[in-house]
Amino acid sequence: MKKKEIIKKTDLDQLSPKEKMKYEIAEELGLLDRVLTDGWKTLSAKETGRIGGIMTKRMRKPKP
């Protein structure tokens, strides 16, 4: 059986910018604790869609 990959808060510095953004948005939505303990698979389609939508919105936003 495959072990769960659990990202610790100290490991967030080693992630790509998109991955960092994904974790930051999960934290803003109050989902980070669940993601860190149980993984992304425990989120509903609605929750992951919300994260993806916010990521898309932020990436399309022009930078000043």
C-alpha atoms as a PDB file:
ATOM      1  CA  MET A   1       0.000   0.000   0.000  1.00  0.00           C
ATOM      2  CA  LYS A   2       1.282   3.437  -0.925  1.00  0.00           C
ATOM      3  CA  LYS A   3       2.033   5.899   1.864  1.00  0.00           C
ATOM      4  CA  LYS A   4       0.225   9.209   1.868  1.00  0.00           C
ATOM      5  CA  GLU A   5       2.291  12.177   0.819  1.00  0.00           C
ATOM      6  CA  ILE A   6       1.874  14.759   3.529  1.00  0.00           C
ATOM      7  CA  ILE A   7       3.394  18.179   2.953  1.00  0.00           C
ATOM      8  CA  LYS A   8       4.560  19.897   6.103  1.00  0.00           C
ATOM      9  CA  LYS A   9       4.436  23.654   6.424  1.00  0.00           C
ATOM     10  CA  THR A  10       8.241  23.744   6.245  1.00  0.00           C
ATOM     11  CA  ASP A  11       8.153  21.957   2.877  1.00  0.00           C
ATOM     12  CA  LEU A  12       6.002  24.657   1.260  1.00  0.00           C
ATOM     13  CA  ASP A  13       9.155  26.608   0.353  1.00  0.00           C
ATOM     14  CA  GLN A  14      10.272  23.772  -1.932  1.00  0.00           C
ATOM     15  CA  LEU A  15       7.092  23.769  -4.053  1.00  0.00           C
ATOM     16  CA  SER A  16       6.563  25.383  -7.441  1.00  0.00           C
ATOM     17  CA  PRO A  17       4.796  28.771  -7.497  1.00  0.00           C
ATOM     18  CA  LYS A  18       1.524  27.189  -8.679  1.00  0.00           C
ATOM     19  CA  GLU A  19       1.638  24.567  -5.933  1.00  0.00           C
ATOM     20  CA  LYS A  20       2.342  27.270  -3.338  1.00  0.00           C
ATOM     21  CA  MET A  21      -0.653  29.210  -4.608  1.00  0.00           C
ATOM     22  CA  LYS A  22      -2.827  26.100  -4.335  1.00  0.00           C
ATOM     23  CA  TYR A  23      -1.862  25.589  -0.695  1.00  0.00           C
ATOM     24  CA  GLU A  24      -2.314  29.304   0.092  1.00  0.00           C
ATOM     25  CA  ILE A  25      -5.829  29.275  -1.358  1.00  0.00           C
ATOM     26  CA  ALA A  26      -6.669  26.088   0.538  1.00  0.00           C
ATOM     27  CA  GLU A  27      -5.553  27.866   3.706  1.00  0.00           C
ATOM     28  CA  GLU A  28      -7.695  30.909   2.897  1.00  0.00           C
ATOM     29  CA  LEU A  29     -10.723  28.664   2.410  1.00  0.00           C
ATOM     30  CA  GLY A  30     -10.051  26.841   5.688  1.00  0.00           C
ATOM     31  CA  LEU A  31      -9.191  23.549   3.989  1.00  0.00           C
ATOM     32  CA  LEU A  32      -5.443  23.364   4.595  1.00  0.00           C
ATOM     33  CA  ASP A  33      -5.602  21.323   7.805  1.00  0.00           C
ATOM     34  CA  ARG A  34      -7.697  18.661   6.104  1.00  0.00           C
ATOM     35  CA  VAL A  35      -5.381  18.604   3.086  1.00  0.00           C
ATOM     36  CA  LEU A  36      -2.279  18.257   5.256  1.00  0.00           C
ATOM     37  CA  THR A  37      -3.714  15.433   7.351  1.00  0.00           C
ATOM     38  CA  ASP A  38      -5.749  13.442   4.827  1.00  0.00           C
ATOM     39  CA  GLY A  39      -4.573  14.637   1.412  1.00  0.00           C
ATOM     40  CA  TRP A  40      -6.238  16.311  -1.553  1.00  0.00           C
ATOM     41  CA  LYS A  41      -8.439  13.289  -2.268  1.00  0.00           C
ATOM     42  CA  THR A  42     -10.604  14.060   0.773  1.00  0.00           C
ATOM     43  CA  LEU A  43     -11.855  17.322  -0.728  1.00  0.00           C
ATOM     44  CA  SER A  44     -15.106  17.373  -2.639  1.00  0.00           C
ATOM     45  CA  ALA A  45     -15.326  18.322  -6.303  1.00  0.00           C
ATOM     46  CA  LYS A  46     -16.913  21.600  -5.244  1.00  0.00           C
ATOM     47  CA  GLU A  47     -13.980  22.437  -2.953  1.00  0.00           C
ATOM     48  CA  THR A  48     -11.283  21.542  -5.476  1.00  0.00           C
ATOM     49  CA  GLY A  49     -13.164  23.403  -8.190  1.00  0.00           C
ATOM     50  CA  ARG A  50     -13.279  26.474  -5.991  1.00  0.00           C
ATOM     51  CA  ILE A  51      -9.514  26.283  -5.451  1.00  0.00           C
ATOM     52  CA  GLY A  52      -8.908  25.857  -9.193  1.00  0.00           C
ATOM     53  CA  GLY A  53     -11.222  28.739 -10.035  1.00  0.00           C
ATOM     54  CA  ILE A  54      -9.482  31.100  -7.646  1.00  0.00           C
ATOM     55  CA  MET A  55      -6.080  30.005  -9.003  1.00  0.00           C
ATOM     56  CA  THR A  56      -7.200  30.729 -12.563  1.00  0.00           C
ATOM     57  CA  LYS A  57      -8.569  34.106 -11.568  1.00  0.00           C
ATOM     58  CA  ARG A  58      -5.299  35.075  -9.867  1.00  0.00           C
ATOM     59  CA  MET A  59      -3.129  33.882 -12.752  1.00  0.00           C
ATOM     60  CA  ARG A  60      -5.178  35.847 -15.299  1.00  0.00           C
ATOM     61  CA  LYS A  61      -5.081  39.015 -13.195  1.00  0.00           C
ATOM     62  CA  PRO A  62      -2.546  41.462 -14.688  1.00  0.00           C
ATOM     63  CA  LYS A  63       0.389  42.226 -12.443  1.00  0.00           C
ATOM     64  CA  PRO A  64       1.034  45.922 -11.673  1.00  0.00           C
END
